[in-house]
Amino acid sequence: MPELPELNPMVHGKLRLALLSLLAGVETAEFTWLRTKTGATDGNLGAQLMKLEEAGYVAMKKKFVQRKPQTIYRLTEKGRTALSEYIAALKTLLGGAM
């Protein structure tokens, strides 16, 4: 039996995978947009984005728009690579089932 690839645990989490997938399809995204798309709570979303940021998979920028704070996220090259590798590993695991 061939050795099965391991799935990157940083990407494998349900919310983190959703966030990386959403960010892969846009140039940047506001925190509020990500919250709406995922249905996550502010606390959980913030915690998962922080983990992705610490891993170097996303970059964050804070700014003010009309005196209101705005947090913008983008997928980094490292994050794009991690997501691509995760998808490739998943395809290998699924084999002919896809």
PDB file of N, CA and C in Angstrom:
ATOM      1  N   MET A   1       0.846  -1.180   0.000  1.00  0.00           N
ATOM      2  CA  MET A   1       0.000   0.000   0.000  1.00  0.00           C
ATOM      3  C   MET A   1       0.892   1.244   0.000  1.00  0.00           C
ATOM      4  N   PRO A   2       0.652   2.182  -0.907  1.00  0.00           N
ATOM      5  CA  PRO A   2       1.485   3.391  -0.945  1.00  0.00           C
ATOM      6  C   PRO A   2       1.257   4.245   0.293  1.00  0.00           C
ATOM      7  N   GLU A   3       2.285   4.999   0.640  1.00  0.00           N
ATOM      8  CA  GLU A   3       2.186   5.878   1.801  1.00  0.00           C
ATOM      9  C   GLU A   3       1.211   7.011   1.497  1.00  0.00           C
ATOM     10  N   LEU A   4       0.299   7.230   2.410  1.00  0.00           N
ATOM     11  CA  LEU A   4      -0.705   8.278   2.228  1.00  0.00           C
ATOM     12  C   LEU A   4      -0.152   9.622   2.683  1.00  0.00           C
ATOM     13  N   PRO A   5      -0.463  10.667   1.939  1.00  0.00           N
ATOM     14  CA  PRO A   5       0.017  11.995   2.341  1.00  0.00           C
ATOM     15  C   PRO A   5      -0.717  12.482   3.576  1.00  0.00           C
ATOM     16  N   GLU A   6      -0.031  13.290   4.355  1.00  0.00           N
ATOM     17  CA  GLU A   6      -0.674  13.896   5.527  1.00  0.00           C
ATOM     18  C   GLU A   6      -1.315  15.216   5.111  1.00  0.00           C
ATOM     19  N   LEU A   7      -2.442  15.501   5.723  1.00  0.00           N
ATOM     20  CA  LEU A   7      -3.118  16.774   5.474  1.00  0.00           C
ATOM     21  C   LEU A   7      -2.581  17.806   6.463  1.00  0.00           C
ATOM     22  N   ASN A   8      -2.216  18.960   5.968  1.00  0.00           N
ATOM     23  CA  ASN A   8      -1.683  20.042   6.787  1.00  0.00           C
ATOM     24  C   ASN A   8      -2.717  20.426   7.849  1.00  0.00           C
ATOM     25  N   PRO A   9      -2.408  20.209   9.139  1.00  0.00           N
ATOM     26  CA  PRO A   9      -3.387  20.506  10.189  1.00  0.00           C
ATOM     27  C   PRO A   9      -3.762  21.990  10.273  1.00  0.00           C
ATOM     28  N   MET A  10      -2.885  22.884   9.831  1.00  0.00           N
ATOM     29  CA  MET A  10      -3.204  24.312   9.858  1.00  0.00           C
ATOM     30  C   MET A  10      -4.281  24.636   8.822  1.00  0.00           C
ATOM     31  N   VAL A  11      -4.292  23.911   7.723  1.00  0.00           N
ATOM     32  CA  VAL A  11      -5.281  24.137   6.677  1.00  0.00           C
ATOM     33  C   VAL A  11      -6.528  23.300   6.925  1.00  0.00           C
ATOM     34  N   HIS A  12      -6.350  22.143   7.536  1.00  0.00           N
ATOM     35  CA  HIS A  12      -7.417  21.144   7.643  1.00  0.00           C
ATOM     36  C   HIS A  12      -8.610  21.571   8.502  1.00  0.00           C
ATOM     37  N   GLY A  13      -8.418  22.480   9.424  1.00  0.00           N
ATOM     38  CA  GLY A  13      -9.537  22.938  10.248  1.00  0.00           C
ATOM     39  C   GLY A  13     -10.643  23.515   9.381  1.00  0.00           C
ATOM     40  N   LYS A  14     -11.883  23.200   9.708  1.00  0.00           N
ATOM     41  CA  LYS A  14     -13.026  23.587   8.872  1.00  0.00           C
ATOM     42  C   LYS A  14     -13.060  25.094   8.579  1.00  0.00           C
ATOM     43  N   LEU A  15     -12.966  25.912   9.605  1.00  0.00           N
ATOM     44  CA  LEU A  15     -13.046  27.359   9.411  1.00  0.00           C
ATOM     45  C   LEU A  15     -11.801  27.886   8.709  1.00  0.00           C
ATOM     46  N   ARG A  16     -10.625  27.368   9.071  1.00  0.00           N
ATOM     47  CA  ARG A  16      -9.397  27.832   8.421  1.00  0.00           C
ATOM     48  C   ARG A  16      -9.394  27.466   6.936  1.00  0.00           C
ATOM     49  N   LEU A  17      -9.880  26.278   6.600  1.00  0.00           N
ATOM     50  CA  LEU A  17      -9.977  25.879   5.192  1.00  0.00           C
ATOM     51  C   LEU A  17     -10.948  26.794   4.450  1.00  0.00           C
ATOM     52  N   ALA A  18     -12.062  27.112   5.077  1.00  0.00           N
ATOM     53  CA  ALA A  18     -13.033  28.024   4.462  1.00  0.00           C
ATOM     54  C   ALA A  18     -12.419  29.401   4.244  1.00  0.00           C
ATOM     55  N   LEU A  19     -11.683  29.897   5.220  1.00  0.00           N
ATOM     56  CA  LEU A  19     -11.068  31.219   5.100  1.00  0.00           C
ATOM     57  C   LEU A  19     -10.030  31.256   3.981  1.00  0.00           C
ATOM     58  N   LEU A  20      -9.179  30.249   3.926  1.00  0.00           N
ATOM     59  CA  LEU A  20      -8.174  30.194   2.868  1.00  0.00           C
ATOM     60  C   LEU A  20      -8.839  30.087   1.500  1.00  0.00           C
ATOM     61  N   SER A  21      -9.891  29.298   1.409  1.00  0.00           N
ATOM     62  CA  SER A  21     -10.605  29.140   0.140  1.00  0.00           C
ATOM     63  C   SER A  21     -11.258  30.453  -0.290  1.00  0.00           C
ATOM     64  N   LEU A  22     -11.872  31.145   0.649  1.00  0.00           N
ATOM     65  CA  LEU A  22     -12.483  32.440   0.325  1.00  0.00           C
ATOM     66  C   LEU A  22     -11.437  33.452  -0.110  1.00  0.00           C
ATOM     67  N   LEU A  23     -10.334  33.510   0.619  1.00  0.00           N
ATOM     68  CA  LEU A  23      -9.287  34.473   0.298  1.00  0.00           C
ATOM     69  C   LEU A  23      -8.578  34.139  -1.016  1.00  0.00           C
ATOM     70  N   ALA A  24      -8.591  32.881  -1.405  1.00  0.00           N
ATOM     71  CA  ALA A  24      -7.964  32.491  -2.678  1.00  0.00           C
ATOM     72  C   ALA A  24      -8.719  33.076  -3.862  1.00  0.00           C
ATOM     73  N   GLY A  25      -9.979  33.382  -3.674  1.00  0.00           N
ATOM     74  CA  GLY A  25     -10.802  33.884  -4.771  1.00  0.00           C
ATOM     75  C   GLY A  25     -10.920  35.391  -4.858  1.00  0.00           C
ATOM     76  N   VAL A  26     -10.294  36.100  -3.934  1.00  0.00           N
ATOM     77  CA  VAL A  26     -10.370  37.564  -3.930  1.00  0.00           C
ATOM     78  C   VAL A  26      -8.978  38.143  -3.678  1.00  0.00           C
ATOM     79  N   GLU A  27      -8.815  39.405  -4.037  1.00  0.00           N
ATOM     80  CA  GLU A  27      -7.523  40.060  -3.775  1.00  0.00           C
ATOM     81  C   GLU A  27      -7.370  40.354  -2.283  1.00  0.00           C
ATOM     82  N   THR A  28      -8.419  40.957  -1.688  1.00  0.00           N
ATOM     83  CA  THR A  28      -8.456  41.234  -0.254  1.00  0.00           C
ATOM     84  C   THR A  28      -9.887  41.053   0.224  1.00  0.00           C
ATOM     85  N   ALA A  29     -10.033  40.920   1.535  1.00  0.00           N
ATOM     86  CA  ALA A  29     -11.368  40.773   2.111  1.00  0.00           C
ATOM     87  C   ALA A  29     -11.411  41.418   3.485  1.00  0.00           C
ATOM     88  N   GLU A  30     -12.514  42.088   3.763  1.00  0.00           N
ATOM     89  CA  GLU A  30     -12.722  42.691   5.078  1.00  0.00           C
ATOM     90  C   GLU A  30     -13.157  41.618   6.071  1.00  0.00           C
ATOM     91  N   PHE A  31     -12.831  41.852   7.326  1.00  0.00           N
ATOM     92  CA  PHE A  31     -13.217  40.953   8.406  1.00  0.00           C
ATOM     93  C   PHE A  31     -14.728  40.701   8.382  1.00  0.00           C
ATOM     94  N   THR A  32     -15.493  41.770   8.196  1.00  0.00           N
ATOM     95  CA  THR A  32     -16.955  41.628   8.233  1.00  0.00           C
ATOM     96  C   THR A  32     -17.473  40.755   7.090  1.00  0.00           C
ATOM     97  N   TRP A  33     -16.848  40.841   5.925  1.00  0.00           N
ATOM     98  CA  TRP A  33     -17.240  40.002   4.785  1.00  0.00           C
ATOM     99  C   TRP A  33     -16.938  38.542   5.083  1.00  0.00           C
ATOM    100  N   LEU A  34     -15.758  38.290   5.658  1.00  0.00           N
ATOM    101  CA  LEU A  34     -15.392  36.919   6.018  1.00  0.00           C
ATOM    102  C   LEU A  34     -16.350  36.366   7.076  1.00  0.00           C
ATOM    103  N   ARG A  35     -16.725  37.207   8.027  1.00  0.00           N
ATOM    104  CA  ARG A  35     -17.670  36.785   9.066  1.00  0.00           C
ATOM    105  C   ARG A  35     -19.014  36.415   8.452  1.00  0.00           C
ATOM    106  N   THR A  36     -19.498  37.230   7.526  1.00  0.00           N
ATOM    107  CA  THR A  36     -20.777  36.953   6.875  1.00  0.00           C
ATOM    108  C   THR A  36     -20.709  35.664   6.067  1.00  0.00           C
ATOM    109  N   LYS A  37     -19.646  35.485   5.308  1.00  0.00           N
ATOM    110  CA  LYS A  37     -19.508  34.308   4.447  1.00  0.00           C
ATOM    111  C   LYS A  37     -19.377  33.016   5.244  1.00  0.00           C
ATOM    112  N   THR A  38     -18.694  33.060   6.391  1.00  0.00           N
ATOM    113  CA  THR A  38     -18.455  31.844   7.166  1.00  0.00           C
ATOM    114  C   THR A  38     -19.510  31.604   8.253  1.00  0.00           C
ATOM    115  N   GLY A  39     -20.190  32.665   8.672  1.00  0.00           N
ATOM    116  CA  GLY A  39     -21.146  32.526   9.760  1.00  0.00           C
ATOM    117  C   GLY A  39     -20.482  32.347  11.112  1.00  0.00           C
ATOM    118  N   ALA A  40     -19.188  32.620  11.187  1.00  0.00           N
ATOM    119  CA  ALA A  40     -18.442  32.457  12.436  1.00  0.00           C
ATOM    120  C   ALA A  40     -18.676  33.646  13.365  1.00  0.00           C
ATOM    121  N   THR A  41     -18.451  33.413  14.644  1.00  0.00           N
ATOM    122  CA  THR A  41     -18.523  34.502  15.609  1.00  0.00           C
ATOM    123  C   THR A  41     -17.262  35.358  15.480  1.00  0.00           C
ATOM    124  N   ASP A  42     -17.331  36.590  15.950  1.00  0.00           N
ATOM    125  CA  ASP A  42     -16.166  37.472  15.891  1.00  0.00           C
ATOM    126  C   ASP A  42     -14.958  36.833  16.579  1.00  0.00           C
ATOM    127  N   GLY A  43     -15.173  36.270  17.746  1.00  0.00           N
ATOM    128  CA  GLY A  43     -14.073  35.681  18.519  1.00  0.00           C
ATOM    129  C   GLY A  43     -13.428  34.497  17.815  1.00  0.00           C
ATOM    130  N   ASN A  44     -14.240  33.578  17.319  1.00  0.00           N
ATOM    131  CA  ASN A  44     -13.704  32.405  16.641  1.00  0.00           C
ATOM    132  C   ASN A  44     -13.014  32.800  15.343  1.00  0.00           C
ATOM    133  N   LEU A  45     -13.640  33.698  14.588  1.00  0.00           N
ATOM    134  CA  LEU A  45     -13.054  34.153  13.333  1.00  0.00           C
ATOM    135  C   LEU A  45     -11.710  34.830  13.589  1.00  0.00           C
ATOM    136  N   GLY A  46     -11.674  35.712  14.571  1.00  0.00           N
ATOM    137  CA  GLY A  46     -10.431  36.401  14.899  1.00  0.00           C
ATOM    138  C   GLY A  46      -9.331  35.448  15.327  1.00  0.00           C
ATOM    139  N   ALA A  47      -9.692  34.448  16.122  1.00  0.00           N
ATOM    140  CA  ALA A  47      -8.704  33.470  16.593  1.00  0.00           C
ATOM    141  C   ALA A  47      -8.144  32.653  15.436  1.00  0.00           C
ATOM    142  N   GLN A  48      -9.000  32.221  14.528  1.00  0.00           N
ATOM    143  CA  GLN A  48      -8.537  31.407  13.399  1.00  0.00           C
ATOM    144  C   GLN A  48      -7.711  32.238  12.415  1.00  0.00           C
ATOM    145  N   LEU A  49      -8.113  33.480  12.192  1.00  0.00           N
ATOM    146  CA  LEU A  49      -7.324  34.357  11.324  1.00  0.00           C
ATOM    147  C   LEU A  49      -5.959  34.640  11.942  1.00  0.00           C
ATOM    148  N   MET A  50      -5.899  34.773  13.264  1.00  0.00           N
ATOM    149  CA  MET A  50      -4.625  34.996  13.935  1.00  0.00           C
ATOM    150  C   MET A  50      -3.704  33.787  13.755  1.00  0.00           C
ATOM    151  N   LYS A  51      -4.261  32.580  13.866  1.00  0.00           N
ATOM    152  CA  LYS A  51      -3.460  31.366  13.658  1.00  0.00           C
ATOM    153  C   LYS A  51      -2.909  31.329  12.233  1.00  0.00           C
ATOM    154  N   LEU A  52      -3.753  31.678  11.267  1.00  0.00           N
ATOM    155  CA  LEU A  52      -3.306  31.693   9.870  1.00  0.00           C
ATOM    156  C   LEU A  52      -2.262  32.776   9.641  1.00  0.00           C
ATOM    157  N   GLU A  53      -2.419  33.890  10.319  1.00  0.00           N
ATOM    158  CA  GLU A  53      -1.442  34.972  10.195  1.00  0.00           C
ATOM    159  C   GLU A  53      -0.105  34.559  10.813  1.00  0.00           C
ATOM    160  N   GLU A  54      -0.143  33.931  11.978  1.00  0.00           N
ATOM    161  CA  GLU A  54       1.075  33.465  12.636  1.00  0.00           C
ATOM    162  C   GLU A  54       1.794  32.424  11.789  1.00  0.00           C
ATOM    163  N   ALA A  55       1.045  31.626  11.036  1.00  0.00           N
ATOM    164  CA  ALA A  55       1.641  30.619  10.152  1.00  0.00           C
ATOM    165  C   ALA A  55       2.179  31.247   8.866  1.00  0.00           C
ATOM    166  N   GLY A  56       1.863  32.515   8.640  1.00  0.00           N
ATOM    167  CA  GLY A  56       2.310  33.199   7.436  1.00  0.00           C
ATOM    168  C   GLY A  56       1.411  32.953   6.235  1.00  0.00           C
ATOM    169  N   TYR A  57       0.208  32.420   6.465  1.00  0.00           N
ATOM    170  CA  TYR A  57      -0.706  32.091   5.372  1.00  0.00           C
ATOM    171  C   TYR A  57      -1.581  33.266   4.961  1.00  0.00           C
ATOM    172  N   VAL A  58      -1.830  34.187   5.871  1.00  0.00           N
ATOM    173  CA  VAL A  58      -2.593  35.391   5.544  1.00  0.00           C
ATOM    174  C   VAL A  58      -1.853  36.611   6.104  1.00  0.00           C
ATOM    175  N   ALA A  59      -2.102  37.743   5.482  1.00  0.00           N
ATOM    176  CA  ALA A  59      -1.554  39.009   5.966  1.00  0.00           C
ATOM    177  C   ALA A  59      -2.730  39.910   6.324  1.00  0.00           C
ATOM    178  N   MET A  60      -2.543  40.709   7.353  1.00  0.00           N
ATOM    179  CA  MET A  60      -3.609  41.571   7.847  1.00  0.00           C
ATOM    180  C   MET A  60      -3.146  43.020   7.824  1.00  0.00           C
ATOM    181  N   LYS A  61      -4.085  43.911   7.510  1.00  0.00           N
ATOM    182  CA  LYS A  61      -3.813  45.350   7.515  1.00  0.00           C
ATOM    183  C   LYS A  61      -5.007  46.039   8.166  1.00  0.00           C
ATOM    184  N   LYS A  62      -4.717  46.916   9.113  1.00  0.00           N
ATOM    185  CA  LYS A  62      -5.773  47.687   9.775  1.00  0.00           C
ATOM    186  C   LYS A  62      -5.714  49.124   9.280  1.00  0.00           C
ATOM    187  N   LYS A  63      -6.897  49.679   9.073  1.00  0.00           N
ATOM    188  CA  LYS A  63      -6.970  51.081   8.683  1.00  0.00           C
ATOM    189  C   LYS A  63      -8.288  51.653   9.186  1.00  0.00           C
ATOM    190  N   PHE A  64      -8.438  52.955   9.053  1.00  0.00           N
ATOM    191  CA  PHE A  64      -9.676  53.610   9.445  1.00  0.00           C
ATOM    192  C   PHE A  64     -10.352  54.177   8.206  1.00  0.00           C
ATOM    193  N   VAL A  65     -11.653  53.953   8.122  1.00  0.00           N
ATOM    194  CA  VAL A  65     -12.459  54.505   7.047  1.00  0.00           C
ATOM    195  C   VAL A  65     -13.571  55.305   7.711  1.00  0.00           C
ATOM    196  N   GLN A  66     -13.548  56.603   7.518  1.00  0.00           N
ATOM    197  CA  GLN A  66     -14.502  57.500   8.164  1.00  0.00           C
ATOM    198  C   GLN A  66     -14.569  57.243   9.670  1.00  0.00           C
ATOM    199  N   ARG A  67     -13.391  57.203  10.278  1.00  0.00           N
ATOM    200  CA  ARG A  67     -13.228  57.025  11.728  1.00  0.00           C
ATOM    201  C   ARG A  67     -13.630  55.643  12.240  1.00  0.00           C
ATOM    202  N   LYS A  68     -13.935  54.727  11.355  1.00  0.00           N
ATOM    203  CA  LYS A  68     -14.290  53.368  11.773  1.00  0.00           C
ATOM    204  C   LYS A  68     -13.141  52.434  11.422  1.00  0.00           C
ATOM    205  N   PRO A  69     -12.767  51.558  12.375  1.00  0.00           N
ATOM    206  CA  PRO A  69     -11.677  50.623  12.079  1.00  0.00           C
ATOM    207  C   PRO A  69     -12.108  49.594  11.035  1.00  0.00           C
ATOM    208  N   GLN A  70     -11.172  49.253  10.172  1.00  0.00           N
ATOM    209  CA  GLN A  70     -11.430  48.258   9.135  1.00  0.00           C
ATOM    210  C   GLN A  70     -10.215  47.335   9.085  1.00  0.00           C
ATOM    211  N   THR A  71     -10.469  46.036   9.128  1.00  0.00           N
ATOM    212  CA  THR A  71      -9.395  45.058   9.066  1.00  0.00           C
ATOM    213  C   THR A  71      -9.512  44.304   7.754  1.00  0.00           C
ATOM    214  N   ILE A  72      -8.424  44.325   6.993  1.00  0.00           N
ATOM    215  CA  ILE A  72      -8.386  43.720   5.666  1.00  0.00           C
ATOM    216  C   ILE A  72      -7.412  42.545   5.690  1.00  0.00           C
ATOM    217  N   TYR A  73      -7.809  41.441   5.074  1.00  0.00           N
ATOM    218  CA  TYR A  73      -6.966  40.243   4.989  1.00  0.00           C
ATOM    219  C   TYR A  73      -6.709  39.897   3.536  1.00  0.00           C
ATOM    220  N   ARG A  74      -5.555  39.283   3.312  1.00  0.00           N
ATOM    221  CA  ARG A  74      -5.227  38.761   1.990  1.00  0.00           C
ATOM    222  C   ARG A  74      -4.446  37.463   2.166  1.00  0.00           C
ATOM    223  N   LEU A  75      -4.544  36.610   1.171  1.00  0.00           N
ATOM    224  CA  LEU A  75      -3.818  35.350   1.155  1.00  0.00           C
ATOM    225  C   LEU A  75      -2.386  35.623   0.711  1.00  0.00           C
ATOM    226  N   THR A  76      -1.412  35.099   1.429  1.00  0.00           N
ATOM    227  CA  THR A  76      -0.008  35.261   1.041  1.00  0.00           C
ATOM    228  C   THR A  76       0.379  34.144   0.072  1.00  0.00           C
ATOM    229  N   GLU A  77       1.537  34.273  -0.532  1.00  0.00           N
ATOM    230  CA  GLU A  77       2.029  33.204  -1.421  1.00  0.00           C
ATOM    231  C   GLU A  77       2.206  31.903  -0.636  1.00  0.00           C
ATOM    232  N   LYS A  78       2.693  32.019   0.596  1.00  0.00           N
ATOM    233  CA  LYS A  78       2.859  30.835   1.440  1.00  0.00           C
ATOM    234  C   LYS A  78       1.502  30.182   1.695  1.00  0.00           C
ATOM    235  N   GLY A  79       0.481  30.990   1.913  1.00  0.00           N
ATOM    236  CA  GLY A  79      -0.864  30.468   2.136  1.00  0.00           C
ATOM    237  C   GLY A  79      -1.444  29.828   0.889  1.00  0.00           C
ATOM    238  N   ARG A  80      -1.197  30.445  -0.262  1.00  0.00           N
ATOM    239  CA  ARG A  80      -1.674  29.893  -1.528  1.00  0.00           C
ATOM    240  C   ARG A  80      -1.010  28.538  -1.799  1.00  0.00           C
ATOM    241  N   THR A  81       0.289  28.456  -1.517  1.00  0.00           N
ATOM    242  CA  THR A  81       1.021  27.202  -1.691  1.00  0.00           C
ATOM    243  C   THR A  81       0.485  26.129  -0.742  1.00  0.00           C
ATOM    244  N   ALA A  82       0.266  26.502   0.514  1.00  0.00           N
ATOM    245  CA  ALA A  82      -0.251  25.540   1.499  1.00  0.00           C
ATOM    246  C   ALA A  82      -1.621  25.016   1.083  1.00  0.00           C
ATOM    247  N   LEU A  83      -2.475  25.898   0.576  1.00  0.00           N
ATOM    248  CA  LEU A  83      -3.803  25.484   0.135  1.00  0.00           C
ATOM    249  C   LEU A  83      -3.698  24.558  -1.078  1.00  0.00           C
ATOM    250  N   SER A  84      -2.836  24.891  -2.020  1.00  0.00           N
ATOM    251  CA  SER A  84      -2.646  24.049  -3.206  1.00  0.00           C
ATOM    252  C   SER A  84      -2.110  22.673  -2.830  1.00  0.00           C
ATOM    253  N   GLU A  85      -1.157  22.640  -1.920  1.00  0.00           N
ATOM    254  CA  GLU A  85      -0.598  21.365  -1.468  1.00  0.00           C
ATOM    255  C   GLU A  85      -1.648  20.541  -0.728  1.00  0.00           C
ATOM    256  N   TYR A  86      -2.465  21.203   0.055  1.00  0.00           N
ATOM    257  CA  TYR A  86      -3.543  20.520   0.776  1.00  0.00           C
ATOM    258  C   TYR A  86      -4.517  19.877  -0.214  1.00  0.00           C
ATOM    259  N   ILE A  87      -4.904  20.625  -1.240  1.00  0.00           N
ATOM    260  CA  ILE A  87      -5.833  20.112  -2.245  1.00  0.00           C
ATOM    261  C   ILE A  87      -5.214  18.922  -2.978  1.00  0.00           C
ATOM    262  N   ALA A  88      -3.938  19.010  -3.309  1.00  0.00           N
ATOM    263  CA  ALA A  88      -3.252  17.906  -3.983  1.00  0.00           C
ATOM    264  C   ALA A  88      -3.219  16.667  -3.089  1.00  0.00           C
ATOM    265  N   ALA A  89      -2.928  16.851  -1.805  1.00  0.00           N
ATOM    266  CA  ALA A  89      -2.894  15.728  -0.868  1.00  0.00           C
ATOM    267  C   ALA A  89      -4.281  15.107  -0.724  1.00  0.00           C
ATOM    268  N   LEU A  90      -5.302  15.934  -0.699  1.00  0.00           N
ATOM    269  CA  LEU A  90      -6.671  15.443  -0.590  1.00  0.00           C
ATOM    270  C   LEU A  90      -7.043  14.626  -1.828  1.00  0.00           C
ATOM    271  N   LYS A  91      -6.651  15.103  -3.000  1.00  0.00           N
ATOM    272  CA  LYS A  91      -6.914  14.362  -4.236  1.00  0.00           C
ATOM    273  C   LYS A  91      -6.218  13.004  -4.213  1.00  0.00           C
ATOM    274  N   THR A  92      -4.985  12.973  -3.684  1.00  0.00           N
ATOM    275  CA  THR A  92      -4.256  11.712  -3.573  1.00  0.00           C
ATOM    276  C   THR A  92      -4.966  10.756  -2.631  1.00  0.00           C
ATOM    277  N   LEU A  93      -5.429  11.287  -1.503  1.00  0.00           N
ATOM    278  CA  LEU A  93      -6.156  10.455  -0.534  1.00  0.00           C
ATOM    279  C   LEU A  93      -7.446   9.897  -1.115  1.00  0.00           C
ATOM    280  N   LEU A  94      -8.145  10.711  -1.861  1.00  0.00           N
ATOM    281  CA  LEU A  94      -9.412  10.277  -2.440  1.00  0.00           C
ATOM    282  C   LEU A  94      -9.220   9.354  -3.632  1.00  0.00           C
ATOM    283  N   GLY A  95      -8.074   9.480  -4.284  1.00  0.00           N
ATOM    284  CA  GLY A  95      -7.744   8.611  -5.413  1.00  0.00           C
ATOM    285  C   GLY A  95      -8.826   8.626  -6.479  1.00  0.00           C
ATOM    286  N   GLY A  96      -9.273   7.449  -6.878  1.00  0.00           N
ATOM    287  CA  GLY A  96     -10.265   7.319  -7.925  1.00  0.00           C
ATOM    288  C   GLY A  96     -11.677   7.664  -7.490  1.00  0.00           C
ATOM    289  N   ALA A  97     -11.859   7.972  -6.206  1.00  0.00           N
ATOM    290  CA  ALA A  97     -13.204   8.304  -5.710  1.00  0.00           C
ATOM    291  C   ALA A  97     -13.702   9.623  -6.275  1.00  0.00           C
ATOM    292  N   MET A  98     -12.785  10.435  -6.793  1.00  0.00           N
ATOM    293  CA  MET A  98     -13.197  11.731  -7.338  1.00  0.00           C
ATOM    294  C   MET A  98     -13.598  11.500  -8.750  1.00  0.00           C
TER     295      MET A  98
END
